[in-house]
Amino acid sequence: MGDRLRVGDRRVSVMLVLICILMNFELIKAGYPPAIIKKRDRLRYYEALDEAHIKGDYRSFTLLVARCGEGGLDWWLETPGN
């Protein structure tokens, strides 16, 4: 049973990473900086994503991505060639 739980956790982790990658791809494609979600913001990100999915309320998710995008903008501007 424990092995199945760990495999399930890994699958969820991989899925969440892919969601972040796709989200950042779409942001960059639209001309926005990537939203860098730091470890300290991870729980808020999961909660906001859950709220958007379950309740259809995207306000928390949008605000969090915008705030993380500000950090991404700093990184983007410091990157050579941008």
C-alpha atoms as a PDB file:
ATOM      1  CA  MET A   1       0.000   0.000   0.000  1.00  0.00           C
ATOM      2  CA  GLY A   2       2.803   2.425   0.896  1.00  0.00           C
ATOM      3  CA  ASP A   3       4.466   1.967  -2.496  1.00  0.00           C
ATOM      4  CA  ARG A   4       1.245   2.786  -4.326  1.00  0.00           C
ATOM      5  CA  LEU A   5       0.853   5.937  -2.252  1.00  0.00           C
ATOM      6  CA  ARG A   6       4.409   7.055  -3.063  1.00  0.00           C
ATOM      7  CA  VAL A   7       3.863   6.347  -6.761  1.00  0.00           C
ATOM      8  CA  GLY A   8       0.628   8.364  -6.612  1.00  0.00           C
ATOM      9  CA  ASP A   9       2.426  11.214  -4.849  1.00  0.00           C
ATOM     10  CA  ARG A  10       5.093  11.198  -7.548  1.00  0.00           C
ATOM     11  CA  ARG A  11       2.470  11.333 -10.265  1.00  0.00           C
ATOM     12  CA  VAL A  12       0.749  14.284  -8.600  1.00  0.00           C
ATOM     13  CA  SER A  13       4.106  16.037  -8.197  1.00  0.00           C
ATOM     14  CA  VAL A  14       4.979  15.504 -11.846  1.00  0.00           C
ATOM     15  CA  MET A  15       1.538  16.765 -12.889  1.00  0.00           C
ATOM     16  CA  LEU A  16       1.914  19.926 -10.800  1.00  0.00           C
ATOM     17  CA  VAL A  17       5.354  20.597 -12.278  1.00  0.00           C
ATOM     18  CA  LEU A  18       3.930  20.176 -15.779  1.00  0.00           C
ATOM     19  CA  ILE A  19       1.103  22.603 -14.951  1.00  0.00           C
ATOM     20  CA  CYS A  20       3.682  25.186 -13.831  1.00  0.00           C
ATOM     21  CA  ILE A  21       5.764  24.651 -16.964  1.00  0.00           C
ATOM     22  CA  LEU A  22       2.720  25.007 -19.219  1.00  0.00           C
ATOM     23  CA  MET A  23       1.527  28.078 -17.314  1.00  0.00           C
ATOM     24  CA  ASN A  24       4.928  29.728 -17.722  1.00  0.00           C
ATOM     25  CA  PHE A  25       5.090  28.745 -21.385  1.00  0.00           C
ATOM     26  CA  GLU A  26       1.765  30.478 -21.985  1.00  0.00           C
ATOM     27  CA  LEU A  27       2.869  33.558 -20.016  1.00  0.00           C
ATOM     28  CA  ILE A  28       6.126  33.860 -21.975  1.00  0.00           C
ATOM     29  CA  LYS A  29       4.340  33.195 -25.277  1.00  0.00           C
ATOM     30  CA  ALA A  30       1.993  36.104 -24.492  1.00  0.00           C
ATOM     31  CA  GLY A  31       4.943  38.392 -23.710  1.00  0.00           C
ATOM     32  CA  TYR A  32       4.789  38.181 -19.916  1.00  0.00           C
ATOM     33  CA  PRO A  33       7.619  37.107 -17.616  1.00  0.00           C
ATOM     34  CA  PRO A  34       7.458  33.646 -16.059  1.00  0.00           C
ATOM     35  CA  ALA A  35       5.766  33.295 -12.679  1.00  0.00           C
ATOM     36  CA  ILE A  36       8.408  31.865 -10.380  1.00  0.00           C
ATOM     37  CA  ILE A  37       6.624  30.105  -7.538  1.00  0.00           C
ATOM     38  CA  LYS A  38       9.031  29.870  -4.633  1.00  0.00           C
ATOM     39  CA  LYS A  39       8.994  27.078  -2.106  1.00  0.00           C
ATOM     40  CA  ARG A  40       7.479  29.358   0.547  1.00  0.00           C
ATOM     41  CA  ASP A  41       4.523  30.084  -1.801  1.00  0.00           C
ATOM     42  CA  ARG A  42       3.937  26.475  -2.818  1.00  0.00           C
ATOM     43  CA  LEU A  43       1.102  25.742  -0.377  1.00  0.00           C
ATOM     44  CA  ARG A  44      -0.700  28.984  -1.329  1.00  0.00           C
ATOM     45  CA  TYR A  45      -0.257  28.032  -5.004  1.00  0.00           C
ATOM     46  CA  TYR A  46      -1.823  24.599  -4.428  1.00  0.00           C
ATOM     47  CA  GLU A  47      -4.689  26.101  -2.437  1.00  0.00           C
ATOM     48  CA  ALA A  48      -5.348  28.772  -5.081  1.00  0.00           C
ATOM     49  CA  LEU A  49      -5.209  26.172  -7.857  1.00  0.00           C
ATOM     50  CA  ASP A  50      -7.621  23.961  -5.916  1.00  0.00           C
ATOM     51  CA  GLU A  51     -10.013  26.880  -5.334  1.00  0.00           C
ATOM     52  CA  ALA A  52      -9.941  27.761  -9.023  1.00  0.00           C
ATOM     53  CA  HIS A  53     -10.624  24.178 -10.028  1.00  0.00           C
ATOM     54  CA  ILE A  54     -13.300  23.305  -7.455  1.00  0.00           C
ATOM     55  CA  LYS A  55     -15.137  26.617  -6.996  1.00  0.00           C
ATOM     56  CA  GLY A  56     -14.353  28.231 -10.342  1.00  0.00           C
ATOM     57  CA  ASP A  57     -13.007  31.259  -8.429  1.00  0.00           C
ATOM     58  CA  TYR A  58      -9.752  32.323 -10.081  1.00  0.00           C
ATOM     59  CA  ARG A  59      -9.113  35.480  -8.029  1.00  0.00           C
ATOM     60  CA  SER A  60      -6.620  33.951  -5.581  1.00  0.00           C
ATOM     61  CA  PHE A  61      -4.828  32.100  -8.364  1.00  0.00           C
ATOM     62  CA  THR A  62      -4.625  35.203 -10.559  1.00  0.00           C
ATOM     63  CA  LEU A  63      -3.295  37.346  -7.719  1.00  0.00           C
ATOM     64  CA  LEU A  64      -0.716  34.750  -6.746  1.00  0.00           C
ATOM     65  CA  VAL A  65       0.495  34.324 -10.337  1.00  0.00           C
ATOM     66  CA  ALA A  66       0.691  38.108 -10.734  1.00  0.00           C
ATOM     67  CA  ARG A  67       2.710  38.430  -7.534  1.00  0.00           C
ATOM     68  CA  CYS A  68       5.015  35.588  -8.564  1.00  0.00           C
ATOM     69  CA  GLY A  69       5.237  37.188 -12.003  1.00  0.00           C
ATOM     70  CA  GLU A  70       6.717  40.287 -10.411  1.00  0.00           C
ATOM     71  CA  GLY A  71       9.559  38.133  -9.097  1.00  0.00           C
ATOM     72  CA  GLY A  72       9.813  36.531 -12.520  1.00  0.00           C
ATOM     73  CA  LEU A  73      10.088  39.988 -14.070  1.00  0.00           C
ATOM     74  CA  ASP A  74      13.070  40.789 -11.862  1.00  0.00           C
ATOM     75  CA  TRP A  75      14.719  37.542 -12.947  1.00  0.00           C
ATOM     76  CA  TRP A  76      13.793  38.146 -16.593  1.00  0.00           C
ATOM     77  CA  LEU A  77      15.287  41.654 -16.614  1.00  0.00           C
ATOM     78  CA  GLU A  78      18.516  40.421 -15.010  1.00  0.00           C
ATOM     79  CA  THR A  79      18.931  37.684 -17.636  1.00  0.00           C
ATOM     80  CA  PRO A  80      21.456  38.642 -20.354  1.00  0.00           C
ATOM     81  CA  GLY A  81      19.835  39.279 -23.722  1.00  0.00           C
ATOM     82  CA  ASN A  82      16.468  40.490 -22.401  1.00  0.00           C
END
